[in-house]
């Protein structure tokens, strides 16, 4: 019998303002439920010509889309 696990999976920008995407998963190995916390974007500056918006790659989420999934973003003050 496998135990429930809590996983933290930072997909981008953890500890930064903008372009962050943090995932948490909980459950047994073959039945984890995922939640995305605070998916953010940021605006590029002049150091990256031709780029206007920077955001994390959500490809991992697409791979896990068959699992239950929630998204929570805290309000800005």
PDB file of N, CA and C in Angstrom:
ATOM      1  N   UNK A   1       0.858  -1.181   0.000  1.00  0.00           N
ATOM      2  CA  UNK A   1       0.000   0.000   0.000  1.00  0.00           C
ATOM      3  C   UNK A   1       0.899   1.237   0.000  1.00  0.00           C
ATOM      4  N   UNK A   2       0.672   2.129  -0.934  1.00  0.00           N
ATOM      5  CA  UNK A   2       1.490   3.344  -1.000  1.00  0.00           C
ATOM      6  C   UNK A   2       0.872   4.443  -0.151  1.00  0.00           C
ATOM      7  N   UNK A   3       1.724   5.319   0.356  1.00  0.00           N
ATOM      8  CA  UNK A   3       1.273   6.431   1.189  1.00  0.00           C
ATOM      9  C   UNK A   3       0.939   7.632   0.320  1.00  0.00           C
ATOM     10  N   UNK A   4       0.079   8.510   0.850  1.00  0.00           N
ATOM     11  CA  UNK A   4      -0.187   9.778   0.171  1.00  0.00           C
ATOM     12  C   UNK A   4       1.081  10.618   0.190  1.00  0.00           C
ATOM     13  N   UNK A   5       1.303  11.349  -0.905  1.00  0.00           N
ATOM     14  CA  UNK A   5       2.472  12.208  -1.037  1.00  0.00           C
ATOM     15  C   UNK A   5       2.017  13.632  -1.308  1.00  0.00           C
ATOM     16  N   UNK A   6       2.800  14.589  -0.832  1.00  0.00           N
ATOM     17  CA  UNK A   6       2.615  15.993  -1.158  1.00  0.00           C
ATOM     18  C   UNK A   6       3.821  16.420  -1.991  1.00  0.00           C
ATOM     19  N   UNK A   7       3.571  16.901  -3.205  1.00  0.00           N
ATOM     20  CA  UNK A   7       4.645  17.330  -4.097  1.00  0.00           C
ATOM     21  C   UNK A   7       4.539  18.819  -4.373  1.00  0.00           C
ATOM     22  N   UNK A   8       5.679  19.476  -4.497  1.00  0.00           N
ATOM     23  CA  UNK A   8       5.759  20.871  -4.924  1.00  0.00           C
ATOM     24  C   UNK A   8       6.544  20.888  -6.220  1.00  0.00           C
ATOM     25  N   UNK A   9       5.979  21.501  -7.259  1.00  0.00           N
ATOM     26  CA  UNK A   9       6.611  21.520  -8.569  1.00  0.00           C
ATOM     27  C   UNK A   9       6.613  22.952  -9.105  1.00  0.00           C
ATOM     28  N   UNK A  10       7.712  23.700  -8.921  1.00  0.00           N
ATOM     29  CA  UNK A  10       7.791  25.051  -9.471  1.00  0.00           C
ATOM     30  C   UNK A  10       8.092  24.984 -10.971  1.00  0.00           C
ATOM     31  N   UNK A  11       7.194  25.521 -11.790  1.00  0.00           N
ATOM     32  CA  UNK A  11       7.393  25.491 -13.239  1.00  0.00           C
ATOM     33  C   UNK A  11       7.983  26.782 -13.782  1.00  0.00           C
ATOM     34  N   UNK A  12       8.090  27.806 -12.977  1.00  0.00           N
ATOM     35  CA  UNK A  12       8.711  29.020 -13.472  1.00  0.00           C
ATOM     36  C   UNK A  12       8.597  30.165 -12.501  1.00  0.00           C
ATOM     37  N   UNK A  13       9.653  30.916 -12.362  1.00  0.00           N
ATOM     38  CA  UNK A  13       9.643  32.175 -11.658  1.00  0.00           C
ATOM     39  C   UNK A  13       9.368  32.160 -10.172  1.00  0.00           C
ATOM     40  N   UNK A  14       9.510  31.048  -9.509  1.00  0.00           N
ATOM     41  CA  UNK A  14       9.263  31.021  -8.061  1.00  0.00           C
ATOM     42  C   UNK A  14      10.217  31.986  -7.369  1.00  0.00           C
ATOM     43  N   UNK A  15       9.682  32.821  -6.519  1.00  0.00           N
ATOM     44  CA  UNK A  15      10.487  33.820  -5.838  1.00  0.00           C
ATOM     45  C   UNK A  15      10.649  35.101  -6.628  1.00  0.00           C
ATOM     46  N   UNK A  16      10.010  35.198  -7.780  1.00  0.00           N
ATOM     47  CA  UNK A  16      10.085  36.400  -8.611  1.00  0.00           C
ATOM     48  C   UNK A  16       8.704  37.041  -8.706  1.00  0.00           C
ATOM     49  N   UNK A  17       8.680  38.282  -9.133  1.00  0.00           N
ATOM     50  CA  UNK A  17       7.413  38.955  -9.402  1.00  0.00           C
ATOM     51  C   UNK A  17       7.081  38.708 -10.863  1.00  0.00           C
ATOM     52  N   UNK A  18       5.973  38.066 -11.099  1.00  0.00           N
ATOM     53  CA  UNK A  18       5.573  37.727 -12.464  1.00  0.00           C
ATOM     54  C   UNK A  18       6.211  36.442 -12.938  1.00  0.00           C
ATOM     55  N   UNK A  19       5.708  35.930 -14.029  1.00  0.00           N
ATOM     56  CA  UNK A  19       6.134  34.703 -14.709  1.00  0.00           C
ATOM     57  C   UNK A  19       6.313  33.508 -13.777  1.00  0.00           C
ATOM     58  N   UNK A  20       5.514  33.434 -12.737  1.00  0.00           N
ATOM     59  CA  UNK A  20       5.602  32.331 -11.797  1.00  0.00           C
ATOM     60  C   UNK A  20       4.454  31.349 -12.016  1.00  0.00           C
ATOM     61  N   UNK A  21       4.724  30.093 -11.741  1.00  0.00           N
ATOM     62  CA  UNK A  21       3.714  29.044 -11.790  1.00  0.00           C
ATOM     63  C   UNK A  21       4.151  27.946 -10.846  1.00  0.00           C
ATOM     64  N   UNK A  22       3.406  27.773  -9.780  1.00  0.00           N
ATOM     65  CA  UNK A  22       3.723  26.761  -8.782  1.00  0.00           C
ATOM     66  C   UNK A  22       2.608  25.736  -8.746  1.00  0.00           C
ATOM     67  N   UNK A  23       2.972  24.465  -8.786  1.00  0.00           N
ATOM     68  CA  UNK A  23       2.013  23.380  -8.725  1.00  0.00           C
ATOM     69  C   UNK A  23       2.218  22.582  -7.453  1.00  0.00           C
ATOM     70  N   UNK A  24       1.116  22.101  -6.920  1.00  0.00           N
ATOM     71  CA  UNK A  24       1.143  21.167  -5.804  1.00  0.00           C
ATOM     72  C   UNK A  24       0.328  19.956  -6.206  1.00  0.00           C
ATOM     73  N   UNK A  25       0.766  18.778  -5.771  1.00  0.00           N
ATOM     74  CA  UNK A  25       0.020  17.547  -6.015  1.00  0.00           C
ATOM     75  C   UNK A  25      -0.095  16.809  -4.691  1.00  0.00           C
ATOM     76  N   UNK A  26      -1.232  16.125  -4.505  1.00  0.00           N
ATOM     77  CA  UNK A  26      -1.423  15.343  -3.292  1.00  0.00           C
ATOM     78  C   UNK A  26      -2.147  14.062  -3.645  1.00  0.00           C
ATOM     79  N   UNK A  27      -1.714  12.981  -3.054  1.00  0.00           N
ATOM     80  CA  UNK A  27      -2.386  11.700  -3.237  1.00  0.00           C
ATOM     81  C   UNK A  27      -1.399  10.571  -3.398  1.00  0.00           C
ATOM     82  N   UNK A  28      -1.948   9.434  -3.706  1.00  0.00           N
ATOM     83  CA  UNK A  28      -1.119   8.257  -3.938  1.00  0.00           C
ATOM     84  C   UNK A  28      -0.455   8.367  -5.311  1.00  0.00           C
ATOM     85  N   UNK A  29       0.589   7.597  -5.512  1.00  0.00           N
ATOM     86  CA  UNK A  29       1.394   7.678  -6.730  1.00  0.00           C
ATOM     87  C   UNK A  29       0.557   7.625  -8.005  1.00  0.00           C
ATOM     88  N   UNK A  30      -0.448   6.770  -8.033  1.00  0.00           N
ATOM     89  CA  UNK A  30      -1.237   6.589  -9.253  1.00  0.00           C
ATOM     90  C   UNK A  30      -2.518   7.427  -9.291  1.00  0.00           C
ATOM     91  N   UNK A  31      -2.731   8.286  -8.284  1.00  0.00           N
ATOM     92  CA  UNK A  31      -3.974   9.071  -8.234  1.00  0.00           C
ATOM     93  C   UNK A  31      -3.743  10.421  -7.560  1.00  0.00           C
ATOM     94  N   UNK A  32      -2.822  11.204  -8.087  1.00  0.00           N
ATOM     95  CA  UNK A  32      -2.546  12.523  -7.512  1.00  0.00           C
ATOM     96  C   UNK A  32      -3.528  13.549  -8.051  1.00  0.00           C
ATOM     97  N   UNK A  33      -3.922  14.490  -7.226  1.00  0.00           N
ATOM     98  CA  UNK A  33      -4.738  15.624  -7.624  1.00  0.00           C
ATOM     99  C   UNK A  33      -3.823  16.847  -7.629  1.00  0.00           C
ATOM    100  N   UNK A  34      -3.950  17.670  -8.664  1.00  0.00           N
ATOM    101  CA  UNK A  34      -3.057  18.812  -8.863  1.00  0.00           C
ATOM    102  C   UNK A  34      -3.785  20.121  -8.647  1.00  0.00           C
ATOM    103  N   UNK A  35      -3.049  21.120  -8.138  1.00  0.00           N
ATOM    104  CA  UNK A  35      -3.568  22.478  -8.013  1.00  0.00           C
ATOM    105  C   UNK A  35      -2.466  23.450  -8.450  1.00  0.00           C
ATOM    106  N   UNK A  36      -2.839  24.422  -9.269  1.00  0.00           N
ATOM    107  CA  UNK A  36      -1.900  25.472  -9.687  1.00  0.00           C
ATOM    108  C   UNK A  36      -2.143  26.684  -8.799  1.00  0.00           C
ATOM    109  N   UNK A  37      -1.074  27.237  -8.257  1.00  0.00           N
ATOM    110  CA  UNK A  37      -1.181  28.379  -7.365  1.00  0.00           C
ATOM    111  C   UNK A  37      -0.444  29.556  -7.983  1.00  0.00           C
ATOM    112  N   UNK A  38      -1.191  30.614  -8.273  1.00  0.00           N
ATOM    113  CA  UNK A  38      -0.621  31.884  -8.709  1.00  0.00           C
ATOM    114  C   UNK A  38       0.177  31.794  -9.993  1.00  0.00           C
ATOM    115  N   UNK A  39      -0.488  31.522 -11.097  1.00  0.00           N
ATOM    116  CA  UNK A  39       0.178  31.589 -12.399  1.00  0.00           C
ATOM    117  C   UNK A  39       0.233  33.049 -12.814  1.00  0.00           C
ATOM    118  N   UNK A  40       1.419  33.564 -13.000  1.00  0.00           N
ATOM    119  CA  UNK A  40       1.567  34.985 -13.294  1.00  0.00           C
ATOM    120  C   UNK A  40       2.302  35.247 -14.590  1.00  0.00           C
ATOM    121  N   UNK A  41       2.216  36.472 -15.033  1.00  0.00           N
ATOM    122  CA  UNK A  41       2.936  36.932 -16.225  1.00  0.00           C
ATOM    123  C   UNK A  41       3.676  38.211 -15.862  1.00  0.00           C
ATOM    124  N   UNK A  42       4.647  38.552 -16.673  1.00  0.00           N
ATOM    125  CA  UNK A  42       5.358  39.799 -16.492  1.00  0.00           C
ATOM    126  C   UNK A  42       5.610  40.421 -17.863  1.00  0.00           C
ATOM    127  N   UNK A  43       5.846  41.696 -17.888  1.00  0.00           N
ATOM    128  CA  UNK A  43       6.125  42.399 -19.133  1.00  0.00           C
ATOM    129  C   UNK A  43       7.631  42.523 -19.323  1.00  0.00           C
ATOM    130  N   UNK A  44       8.077  42.276 -20.535  1.00  0.00           N
ATOM    131  CA  UNK A  44       9.503  42.362 -20.846  1.00  0.00           C
ATOM    132  C   UNK A  44       9.930  43.830 -20.900  1.00  0.00           C
ATOM    133  N   UNK A  45      11.220  44.035 -20.753  1.00  0.00           N
ATOM    134  CA  UNK A  45      11.763  45.398 -20.865  1.00  0.00           C
ATOM    135  C   UNK A  45      12.615  45.507 -22.135  1.00  0.00           C
ATOM    136  N   UNK A  46      13.333  46.565 -22.268  1.00  0.00           N
ATOM    137  CA  UNK A  46      14.129  46.818 -23.472  1.00  0.00           C
ATOM    138  C   UNK A  46      15.303  45.847 -23.650  1.00  0.00           C
ATOM    139  N   UNK A  47      15.614  45.086 -22.614  1.00  0.00           N
ATOM    140  CA  UNK A  47      16.732  44.142 -22.729  1.00  0.00           C
ATOM    141  C   UNK A  47      16.362  42.906 -23.552  1.00  0.00           C
ATOM    142  N   UNK A  48      15.064  42.733 -23.847  1.00  0.00           N
ATOM    143  CA  UNK A  48      14.602  41.597 -24.651  1.00  0.00           C
ATOM    144  C   UNK A  48      13.783  42.143 -25.824  1.00  0.00           C
ATOM    145  N   UNK A  49      14.449  42.615 -26.883  1.00  0.00           N
ATOM    146  CA  UNK A  49      13.730  43.220 -28.004  1.00  0.00           C
ATOM    147  C   UNK A  49      12.776  42.229 -28.681  1.00  0.00           C
ATOM    148  N   UNK A  50      11.585  42.716 -29.026  1.00  0.00           N
ATOM    149  CA  UNK A  50      10.605  41.899 -29.725  1.00  0.00           C
ATOM    150  C   UNK A  50       9.743  41.038 -28.832  1.00  0.00           C
ATOM    151  N   UNK A  51      10.021  41.005 -27.539  1.00  0.00           N
ATOM    152  CA  UNK A  51       9.229  40.220 -26.591  1.00  0.00           C
ATOM    153  C   UNK A  51       8.435  41.190 -25.731  1.00  0.00           C
ATOM    154  N   UNK A  52       7.124  40.987 -25.665  1.00  0.00           N
ATOM    155  CA  UNK A  52       6.270  41.869 -24.874  1.00  0.00           C
ATOM    156  C   UNK A  52       5.825  41.237 -23.557  1.00  0.00           C
ATOM    157  N   UNK A  53       5.604  39.941 -23.564  1.00  0.00           N
ATOM    158  CA  UNK A  53       5.029  39.265 -22.405  1.00  0.00           C
ATOM    159  C   UNK A  53       5.820  38.001 -22.106  1.00  0.00           C
ATOM    160  N   UNK A  54       6.106  37.754 -20.834  1.00  0.00           N
ATOM    161  CA  UNK A  54       6.826  36.554 -20.417  1.00  0.00           C
ATOM    162  C   UNK A  54       5.926  35.782 -19.457  1.00  0.00           C
ATOM    163  N   UNK A  55       5.763  34.496 -19.719  1.00  0.00           N
ATOM    164  CA  UNK A  55       4.948  33.652 -18.848  1.00  0.00           C
ATOM    165  C   UNK A  55       5.541  32.246 -18.820  1.00  0.00           C
ATOM    166  N   UNK A  56       5.222  31.462 -17.786  1.00  0.00           N
ATOM    167  CA  UNK A  56       5.784  30.122 -17.686  1.00  0.00           C
ATOM    168  C   UNK A  56       5.199  29.181 -18.744  1.00  0.00           C
ATOM    169  N   UNK A  57       5.943  28.152 -19.067  1.00  0.00           N
ATOM    170  CA  UNK A  57       5.505  27.148 -20.034  1.00  0.00           C
ATOM    171  C   UNK A  57       4.500  26.204 -19.374  1.00  0.00           C
ATOM    172  N   UNK A  58       3.241  26.197 -19.831  1.00  0.00           N
ATOM    173  CA  UNK A  58       2.224  25.344 -19.214  1.00  0.00           C
ATOM    174  C   UNK A  58       2.191  23.921 -19.781  1.00  0.00           C
ATOM    175  N   UNK A  59       3.214  23.508 -20.521  1.00  0.00           N
ATOM    176  CA  UNK A  59       3.226  22.184 -21.144  1.00  0.00           C
ATOM    177  C   UNK A  59       3.015  21.048 -20.167  1.00  0.00           C
ATOM    178  N   UNK A  60       3.593  21.149 -18.981  1.00  0.00           N
ATOM    179  CA  UNK A  60       3.432  20.108 -17.965  1.00  0.00           C
ATOM    180  C   UNK A  60       1.966  19.967 -17.572  1.00  0.00           C
ATOM    181  N   UNK A  61       1.246  21.096 -17.530  1.00  0.00           N
ATOM    182  CA  UNK A  61      -0.180  21.060 -17.175  1.00  0.00           C
ATOM    183  C   UNK A  61      -0.986  20.290 -18.217  1.00  0.00           C
ATOM    184  N   UNK A  62      -0.650  20.469 -19.473  1.00  0.00           N
ATOM    185  CA  UNK A  62      -1.369  19.773 -20.537  1.00  0.00           C
ATOM    186  C   UNK A  62      -1.188  18.264 -20.413  1.00  0.00           C
ATOM    187  N   UNK A  63      -0.011  17.852 -19.984  1.00  0.00           N
ATOM    188  CA  UNK A  63       0.258  16.436 -19.786  1.00  0.00           C
ATOM    189  C   UNK A  63      -0.576  15.864 -18.638  1.00  0.00           C
ATOM    190  N   UNK A  64      -0.882  16.683 -17.647  1.00  0.00           N
ATOM    191  CA  UNK A  64      -1.611  16.237 -16.462  1.00  0.00           C
ATOM    192  C   UNK A  64      -3.098  16.581 -16.521  1.00  0.00           C
ATOM    193  N   UNK A  65      -3.601  17.039 -17.657  1.00  0.00           N
ATOM    194  CA  UNK A  65      -4.961  17.566 -17.721  1.00  0.00           C
ATOM    195  C   UNK A  65      -6.038  16.534 -17.426  1.00  0.00           C
ATOM    196  N   UNK A  66      -5.736  15.259 -17.483  1.00  0.00           N
ATOM    197  CA  UNK A  66      -6.732  14.234 -17.171  1.00  0.00           C
ATOM    198  C   UNK A  66      -6.984  14.120 -15.673  1.00  0.00           C
ATOM    199  N   UNK A  67      -6.084  14.662 -14.869  1.00  0.00           N
ATOM    200  CA  UNK A  67      -6.239  14.637 -13.413  1.00  0.00           C
ATOM    201  C   UNK A  67      -7.125  15.797 -12.984  1.00  0.00           C
ATOM    202  N   UNK A  68      -7.717  15.693 -11.812  1.00  0.00           N
ATOM    203  CA  UNK A  68      -8.479  16.824 -11.282  1.00  0.00           C
ATOM    204  C   UNK A  68      -7.538  17.996 -11.125  1.00  0.00           C
ATOM    205  N   UNK A  69      -7.982  19.167 -11.516  1.00  0.00           N
ATOM    206  CA  UNK A  69      -7.101  20.317 -11.513  1.00  0.00           C
ATOM    207  C   UNK A  69      -7.844  21.548 -11.057  1.00  0.00           C
ATOM    208  N   UNK A  70      -7.221  22.356 -10.212  1.00  0.00           N
ATOM    209  CA  UNK A  70      -7.795  23.605  -9.725  1.00  0.00           C
ATOM    210  C   UNK A  70      -6.777  24.709  -9.900  1.00  0.00           C
ATOM    211  N   UNK A  71      -7.245  25.940  -9.899  1.00  0.00           N
ATOM    212  CA  UNK A  71      -6.354  27.092 -10.021  1.00  0.00           C
ATOM    213  C   UNK A  71      -6.777  28.132  -8.993  1.00  0.00           C
ATOM    214  N   UNK A  72      -5.828  28.624  -8.223  1.00  0.00           N
ATOM    215  CA  UNK A  72      -6.102  29.653  -7.221  1.00  0.00           C
ATOM    216  C   UNK A  72      -5.073  30.748  -7.371  1.00  0.00           C
ATOM    217  N   UNK A  73      -5.526  31.974  -7.479  1.00  0.00           N
ATOM    218  CA  UNK A  73      -4.639  33.135  -7.501  1.00  0.00           C
ATOM    219  C   UNK A  73      -5.063  34.064  -6.381  1.00  0.00           C
ATOM    220  N   UNK A  74      -4.138  34.436  -5.536  1.00  0.00           N
ATOM    221  CA  UNK A  74      -4.488  35.332  -4.434  1.00  0.00           C
ATOM    222  C   UNK A  74      -4.646  36.755  -4.954  1.00  0.00           C
ATOM    223  N   UNK A  75      -5.518  37.531  -4.345  1.00  0.00           N
ATOM    224  CA  UNK A  75      -5.741  38.921  -4.812  1.00  0.00           C
ATOM    225  C   UNK A  75      -4.560  39.822  -4.473  1.00  0.00           C
ATOM    226  N   UNK A  76      -4.262  40.741  -5.364  1.00  0.00           N
ATOM    227  CA  UNK A  76      -3.205  41.730  -5.115  1.00  0.00           C
ATOM    228  C   UNK A  76      -3.736  42.806  -4.187  1.00  0.00           C
ATOM    229  N   UNK A  77      -2.882  43.320  -3.338  1.00  0.00           N
ATOM    230  CA  UNK A  77      -3.333  44.399  -2.440  1.00  0.00           C
ATOM    231  C   UNK A  77      -2.763  45.717  -2.865  1.00  0.00           C
TER     232      UNK A  77
END
